[in-house]
Amino acid sequence: HIPVLICGMTCGWAWGGTLGVVLPLLRMAL
């Protein structure tokens, strides 16, 4: 949750939302 919350606040909603979708799915795959 920490990097996603930081990303939303610093990079904006589109990047924050994208990171939120990608991060758990990529960690699951890897």
All heavy atoms as atom14 arrays in JSON, in Angstrom:
{
  "sequence": "HIPVLICGMTCGWAWGGTLGVVLPLLRMAL",
  "atom14_mask": [
    [1, 1, 1, 1, 1, 1, 1, 1, 1, 1, 0, 0, 0, 0],
    [1, 1, 1, 1, 1, 1, 1, 1, 0, 0, 0, 0, 0, 0],
    [1, 1, 1, 1, 1, 1, 1, 0, 0, 0, 0, 0, 0, 0],
    [1, 1, 1, 1, 1, 1, 1, 0, 0, 0, 0, 0, 0, 0],
    [1, 1, 1, 1, 1, 1, 1, 1, 0, 0, 0, 0, 0, 0],
    [1, 1, 1, 1, 1, 1, 1, 1, 0, 0, 0, 0, 0, 0],
    [1, 1, 1, 1, 1, 1, 0, 0, 0, 0, 0, 0, 0, 0],
    [1, 1, 1, 1, 0, 0, 0, 0, 0, 0, 0, 0, 0, 0],
    [1, 1, 1, 1, 1, 1, 1, 1, 0, 0, 0, 0, 0, 0],
    [1, 1, 1, 1, 1, 1, 1, 0, 0, 0, 0, 0, 0, 0],
    [1, 1, 1, 1, 1, 1, 0, 0, 0, 0, 0, 0, 0, 0],
    [1, 1, 1, 1, 0, 0, 0, 0, 0, 0, 0, 0, 0, 0],
    [1, 1, 1, 1, 1, 1, 1, 1, 1, 1, 1, 1, 1, 1],
    [1, 1, 1, 1, 1, 0, 0, 0, 0, 0, 0, 0, 0, 0],
    [1, 1, 1, 1, 1, 1, 1, 1, 1, 1, 1, 1, 1, 1],
    [1, 1, 1, 1, 0, 0, 0, 0, 0, 0, 0, 0, 0, 0],
    [1, 1, 1, 1, 0, 0, 0, 0, 0, 0, 0, 0, 0, 0],
    [1, 1, 1, 1, 1, 1, 1, 0, 0, 0, 0, 0, 0, 0],
    [1, 1, 1, 1, 1, 1, 1, 1, 0, 0, 0, 0, 0, 0],
    [1, 1, 1, 1, 0, 0, 0, 0, 0, 0, 0, 0, 0, 0],
    [1, 1, 1, 1, 1, 1, 1, 0, 0, 0, 0, 0, 0, 0],
    [1, 1, 1, 1, 1, 1, 1, 0, 0, 0, 0, 0, 0, 0],
    [1, 1, 1, 1, 1, 1, 1, 1, 0, 0, 0, 0, 0, 0],
    [1, 1, 1, 1, 1, 1, 1, 0, 0, 0, 0, 0, 0, 0],
    [1, 1, 1, 1, 1, 1, 1, 1, 0, 0, 0, 0, 0, 0],
    [1, 1, 1, 1, 1, 1, 1, 1, 0, 0, 0, 0, 0, 0],
    [1, 1, 1, 1, 1, 1, 1, 1, 1, 1, 1, 0, 0, 0],
    [1, 1, 1, 1, 1, 1, 1, 1, 0, 0, 0, 0, 0, 0],
    [1, 1, 1, 1, 1, 0, 0, 0, 0, 0, 0, 0, 0, 0],
    [1, 1, 1, 1, 1, 1, 1, 1, 0, 0, 0, 0, 0, 0]
  ],
  "atom14_positions": [
    [[0.81, -1.21, 0.0], [0.0, 0.0, 0.0], [0.85, 1.26, 0.0], [0.47, 2.28, -0.6], [-0.92, 0.02, 1.22], [-1.9, -1.11, 1.25], [-1.54, -2.42, 1.22], [-3.25, -1.09, 1.35], [-2.61, -3.18, 1.27], [-3.67, -2.4, 1.35], [0.0, 0.0, 0.0], [0.0, 0.0, 0.0], [0.0, 0.0, 0.0], [0.0, 0.0, 0.0]],
    [[2.0, 1.22, 0.66], [2.82, 2.42, 0.86], [3.26, 3.03, -0.48], [3.02, 4.23, -0.7], [4.02, 2.11, 1.77], [3.51, 1.77, 3.18], [5.0, 3.28, 1.82], [4.56, 1.21, 4.12], [0.0, 0.0, 0.0], [0.0, 0.0, 0.0], [0.0, 0.0, 0.0], [0.0, 0.0, 0.0], [0.0, 0.0, 0.0], [0.0, 0.0, 0.0]],
    [[3.88, 2.28, -1.4], [4.29, 2.93, -2.65], [3.11, 3.43, -3.48], [3.23, 4.46, -4.17], [5.05, 1.84, -3.41], [5.05, 0.63, -2.58], [4.33, 0.91, -1.31], [0.0, 0.0, 0.0], [0.0, 0.0, 0.0], [0.0, 0.0, 0.0], [0.0, 0.0, 0.0], [0.0, 0.0, 0.0], [0.0, 0.0, 0.0], [0.0, 0.0, 0.0]],
    [[1.98, 2.75, -3.41], [0.81, 3.18, -4.19], [0.27, 4.5, -3.63], [-0.06, 5.41, -4.39], [-0.28, 2.09, -4.21], [-1.54, 2.59, -4.88], [0.25, 0.84, -4.92], [0.0, 0.0, 0.0], [0.0, 0.0, 0.0], [0.0, 0.0, 0.0], [0.0, 0.0, 0.0], [0.0, 0.0, 0.0], [0.0, 0.0, 0.0], [0.0, 0.0, 0.0]],
    [[0.17, 4.61, -2.31], [-0.3, 5.85, -1.7], [0.64, 7.0, -2.02], [0.2, 8.11, -2.35], [-0.45, 5.67, -0.19], [-1.56, 4.72, 0.26], [-1.39, 4.35, 1.73], [-2.93, 5.32, 0.01], [0.0, 0.0, 0.0], [0.0, 0.0, 0.0], [0.0, 0.0, 0.0], [0.0, 0.0, 0.0], [0.0, 0.0, 0.0], [0.0, 0.0, 0.0]],
    [[1.94, 6.75, -1.94], [2.93, 7.79, -2.28], [2.81, 8.17, -3.75], [2.84, 9.35, -4.1], [4.36, 7.3, -1.95], [4.53, 7.16, -0.43], [5.41, 8.25, -2.52], [5.8, 6.45, -0.01], [0.0, 0.0, 0.0], [0.0, 0.0, 0.0], [0.0, 0.0, 0.0], [0.0, 0.0, 0.0], [0.0, 0.0, 0.0], [0.0, 0.0, 0.0]],
    [[2.66, 7.18, -4.61], [2.56, 7.44, -6.05], [1.34, 8.3, -6.37], [1.45, 9.26, -7.15], [2.5, 6.12, -6.81], [2.57, 6.33, -8.6], [0.0, 0.0, 0.0], [0.0, 0.0, 0.0], [0.0, 0.0, 0.0], [0.0, 0.0, 0.0], [0.0, 0.0, 0.0], [0.0, 0.0, 0.0], [0.0, 0.0, 0.0], [0.0, 0.0, 0.0]],
    [[0.2, 7.98, -5.8], [-1.0, 8.77, -6.06], [-0.81, 10.22, -5.66], [-1.2, 11.14, -6.39], [0.0, 0.0, 0.0], [0.0, 0.0, 0.0], [0.0, 0.0, 0.0], [0.0, 0.0, 0.0], [0.0, 0.0, 0.0], [0.0, 0.0, 0.0], [0.0, 0.0, 0.0], [0.0, 0.0, 0.0], [0.0, 0.0, 0.0], [0.0, 0.0, 0.0]],
    [[-0.17, 10.43, -4.5], [0.01, 11.8, -4.0], [1.1, 12.56, -4.74], [1.03, 13.79, -4.82], [0.31, 11.78, -2.5], [-0.86, 11.28, -1.68], [-0.49, 11.19, 0.07], [-1.02, 12.82, 0.56], [0.0, 0.0, 0.0], [0.0, 0.0, 0.0], [0.0, 0.0, 0.0], [0.0, 0.0, 0.0], [0.0, 0.0, 0.0], [0.0, 0.0, 0.0]],
    [[2.08, 11.86, -5.28], [3.2, 12.56, -5.92], [3.16, 12.55, -7.44], [3.65, 13.48, -8.07], [4.55, 11.97, -5.46], [4.6, 10.59, -5.79], [4.76, 12.17, -3.97], [0.0, 0.0, 0.0], [0.0, 0.0, 0.0], [0.0, 0.0, 0.0], [0.0, 0.0, 0.0], [0.0, 0.0, 0.0], [0.0, 0.0, 0.0], [0.0, 0.0, 0.0]],
    [[2.58, 11.51, -8.02], [2.59, 11.38, -9.48], [1.22, 11.59, -10.1], [1.1, 11.67, -11.32], [3.11, 9.99, -9.88], [4.78, 9.66, -9.32], [0.0, 0.0, 0.0], [0.0, 0.0, 0.0], [0.0, 0.0, 0.0], [0.0, 0.0, 0.0], [0.0, 0.0, 0.0], [0.0, 0.0, 0.0], [0.0, 0.0, 0.0], [0.0, 0.0, 0.0]],
    [[0.18, 11.62, -9.29], [-1.17, 11.86, -9.8], [-2.0, 10.6, -9.85], [-1.52, 9.48, -9.66], [0.0, 0.0, 0.0], [0.0, 0.0, 0.0], [0.0, 0.0, 0.0], [0.0, 0.0, 0.0], [0.0, 0.0, 0.0], [0.0, 0.0, 0.0], [0.0, 0.0, 0.0], [0.0, 0.0, 0.0], [0.0, 0.0, 0.0], [0.0, 0.0, 0.0]],
    [[-3.28, 10.79, -10.13], [-4.24, 9.69, -10.05], [-4.02, 8.6, -11.09], [-4.19, 7.43, -10.81], [-5.67, 10.23, -10.12], [-6.05, 10.77, -11.46], [-5.92, 12.06, -11.89], [-6.62, 10.05, -12.55], [-6.36, 12.18, -13.18], [-6.81, 10.96, -13.61], [-7.0, 8.72, -12.73], [-7.35, 10.58, -14.83], [-7.54, 8.34, -13.95], [-7.71, 9.27, -14.98]],
    [[-3.64, 8.97, -12.32], [-3.49, 7.97, -13.38], [-2.32, 7.03, -13.08], [-2.46, 5.81, -13.18], [-3.29, 8.65, -14.73], [0.0, 0.0, 0.0], [0.0, 0.0, 0.0], [0.0, 0.0, 0.0], [0.0, 0.0, 0.0], [0.0, 0.0, 0.0], [0.0, 0.0, 0.0], [0.0, 0.0, 0.0], [0.0, 0.0, 0.0], [0.0, 0.0, 0.0]],
    [[-1.18, 7.59, -12.68], [-0.03, 6.75, -12.35], [-0.27, 5.98, -11.07], [0.12, 4.81, -10.96], [1.24, 7.6, -12.25], [1.72, 8.07, -13.58], [1.71, 9.35, -14.05], [2.27, 7.27, -14.63], [2.21, 9.39, -15.32], [2.58, 8.12, -15.7], [2.54, 5.91, -14.76], [3.13, 7.67, -16.89], [3.1, 5.45, -15.95], [3.38, 6.33, -16.99]],
    [[-0.89, 6.63, -10.09], [-1.2, 5.93, -8.84], [-2.13, 4.76, -9.05], [-1.93, 3.67, -8.51], [0.0, 0.0, 0.0], [0.0, 0.0, 0.0], [0.0, 0.0, 0.0], [0.0, 0.0, 0.0], [0.0, 0.0, 0.0], [0.0, 0.0, 0.0], [0.0, 0.0, 0.0], [0.0, 0.0, 0.0], [0.0, 0.0, 0.0], [0.0, 0.0, 0.0]],
    [[-3.17, 4.96, -9.86], [-4.1, 3.88, -10.15], [-3.45, 2.76, -10.94], [-3.68, 1.57, -10.68], [0.0, 0.0, 0.0], [0.0, 0.0, 0.0], [0.0, 0.0, 0.0], [0.0, 0.0, 0.0], [0.0, 0.0, 0.0], [0.0, 0.0, 0.0], [0.0, 0.0, 0.0], [0.0, 0.0, 0.0], [0.0, 0.0, 0.0], [0.0, 0.0, 0.0]],
    [[-2.61, 3.13, -11.9], [-1.91, 2.12, -12.7], [-0.97, 1.29, -11.82], [-0.96, 0.06, -11.92], [-1.12, 2.8, -13.84], [-2.03, 3.55, -14.65], [-0.38, 1.78, -14.68], [0.0, 0.0, 0.0], [0.0, 0.0, 0.0], [0.0, 0.0, 0.0], [0.0, 0.0, 0.0], [0.0, 0.0, 0.0], [0.0, 0.0, 0.0], [0.0, 0.0, 0.0]],
    [[-0.21, 1.96, -10.98], [0.68, 1.23, -10.07], [-0.13, 0.32, -9.15], [0.29, -0.82, -8.88], [1.53, 2.2, -9.24], [2.51, 1.53, -8.27], [3.55, 0.71, -9.02], [3.18, 2.59, -7.4], [0.0, 0.0, 0.0], [0.0, 0.0, 0.0], [0.0, 0.0, 0.0], [0.0, 0.0, 0.0], [0.0, 0.0, 0.0], [0.0, 0.0, 0.0]],
    [[-1.27, 0.79, -8.7], [-2.12, -0.01, -7.83], [-2.59, -1.3, -8.47], [-2.71, -2.33, -7.8], [0.0, 0.0, 0.0], [0.0, 0.0, 0.0], [0.0, 0.0, 0.0], [0.0, 0.0, 0.0], [0.0, 0.0, 0.0], [0.0, 0.0, 0.0], [0.0, 0.0, 0.0], [0.0, 0.0, 0.0], [0.0, 0.0, 0.0], [0.0, 0.0, 0.0]],
    [[-2.87, -1.27, -9.75], [-3.3, -2.48, -10.47], [-2.09, -3.38, -10.74], [-2.14, -4.6, -10.52], [-4.0, -2.13, -11.79], [-4.22, -3.37, -12.64], [-5.32, -1.43, -11.52], [0.0, 0.0, 0.0], [0.0, 0.0, 0.0], [0.0, 0.0, 0.0], [0.0, 0.0, 0.0], [0.0, 0.0, 0.0], [0.0, 0.0, 0.0], [0.0, 0.0, 0.0]],
    [[-1.01, -2.8, -11.21], [0.13, -3.58, -11.67], [0.89, -4.24, -10.53], [1.29, -5.42, -10.63], [1.08, -2.69, -12.51], [2.41, -3.36, -12.79], [0.4, -2.26, -13.8], [0.0, 0.0, 0.0], [0.0, 0.0, 0.0], [0.0, 0.0, 0.0], [0.0, 0.0, 0.0], [0.0, 0.0, 0.0], [0.0, 0.0, 0.0], [0.0, 0.0, 0.0]],
    [[1.1, -3.53, -9.44], [1.98, -4.0, -8.37], [1.56, -5.36, -7.78], [2.39, -6.28, -7.75], [2.12, -2.93, -7.29], [3.11, -3.22, -6.17], [4.5, -3.53, -6.7], [3.16, -2.04, -5.22], [0.0, 0.0, 0.0], [0.0, 0.0, 0.0], [0.0, 0.0, 0.0], [0.0, 0.0, 0.0], [0.0, 0.0, 0.0], [0.0, 0.0, 0.0]],
    [[0.33, -5.54, -7.31], [0.01, -6.86, -6.73], [0.0, -7.98, -7.76], [0.39, -9.12, -7.45], [-1.37, -6.66, -6.1], [-1.95, -5.49, -6.78], [-0.8, -4.62, -7.18], [0.0, 0.0, 0.0], [0.0, 0.0, 0.0], [0.0, 0.0, 0.0], [0.0, 0.0, 0.0], [0.0, 0.0, 0.0], [0.0, 0.0, 0.0], [0.0, 0.0, 0.0]],
    [[-0.4, -7.68, -8.99], [-0.44, -8.71, -10.01], [0.97, -9.11, -10.46], [1.26, -10.29, -10.68], [-1.27, -8.25, -11.21], [-2.74, -7.92, -10.89], [-3.46, -7.42, -12.13], [-3.46, -9.11, -10.28], [0.0, 0.0, 0.0], [0.0, 0.0, 0.0], [0.0, 0.0, 0.0], [0.0, 0.0, 0.0], [0.0, 0.0, 0.0], [0.0, 0.0, 0.0]],
    [[1.86, -8.14, -10.55], [3.25, -8.43, -10.91], [3.95, -9.2, -9.8], [4.67, -10.16, -10.06], [4.0, -7.13, -11.23], [5.43, -7.28, -11.74], [5.48, -8.13, -13.01], [6.03, -5.9, -12.0], [0.0, 0.0, 0.0], [0.0, 0.0, 0.0], [0.0, 0.0, 0.0], [0.0, 0.0, 0.0], [0.0, 0.0, 0.0], [0.0, 0.0, 0.0]],
    [[3.71, -8.81, -8.55], [4.3, -9.56, -7.43], [3.76, -10.98, -7.39], [4.49, -11.92, -7.07], [4.0, -8.86, -6.1], [5.1, -7.89, -5.71], [5.01, -7.5, -4.26], [6.13, -7.91, -3.48], [6.45, -9.13, -3.07], [5.74, -10.13, -3.36], [7.49, -9.37, -2.34], [0.0, 0.0, 0.0], [0.0, 0.0, 0.0], [0.0, 0.0, 0.0]],
    [[2.49, -11.15, -7.69], [1.91, -12.49, -7.72], [2.6, -13.32, -8.81], [2.96, -14.47, -8.58], [0.41, -12.42, -7.98], [-0.26, -13.79, -8.08], [-1.95, -13.7, -8.68], [-1.7, -13.2, -10.38], [0.0, 0.0, 0.0], [0.0, 0.0, 0.0], [0.0, 0.0, 0.0], [0.0, 0.0, 0.0], [0.0, 0.0, 0.0], [0.0, 0.0, 0.0]],
    [[2.79, -12.73, -9.98], [3.4, -13.45, -11.1], [4.87, -13.78, -10.82], [5.33, -14.86, -11.16], [3.29, -12.63, -12.37], [0.0, 0.0, 0.0], [0.0, 0.0, 0.0], [0.0, 0.0, 0.0], [0.0, 0.0, 0.0], [0.0, 0.0, 0.0], [0.0, 0.0, 0.0], [0.0, 0.0, 0.0], [0.0, 0.0, 0.0], [0.0, 0.0, 0.0]],
    [[5.58, -12.85, -10.19], [7.01, -13.05, -9.96], [7.32, -13.89, -8.72], [8.23, -14.72, -8.74], [7.72, -11.7, -9.83], [7.77, -10.83, -11.07], [8.37, -9.46, -10.73], [8.57, -11.5, -12.17], [0.0, 0.0, 0.0], [0.0, 0.0, 0.0], [0.0, 0.0, 0.0], [0.0, 0.0, 0.0], [0.0, 0.0, 0.0], [0.0, 0.0, 0.0]]
  ]
}
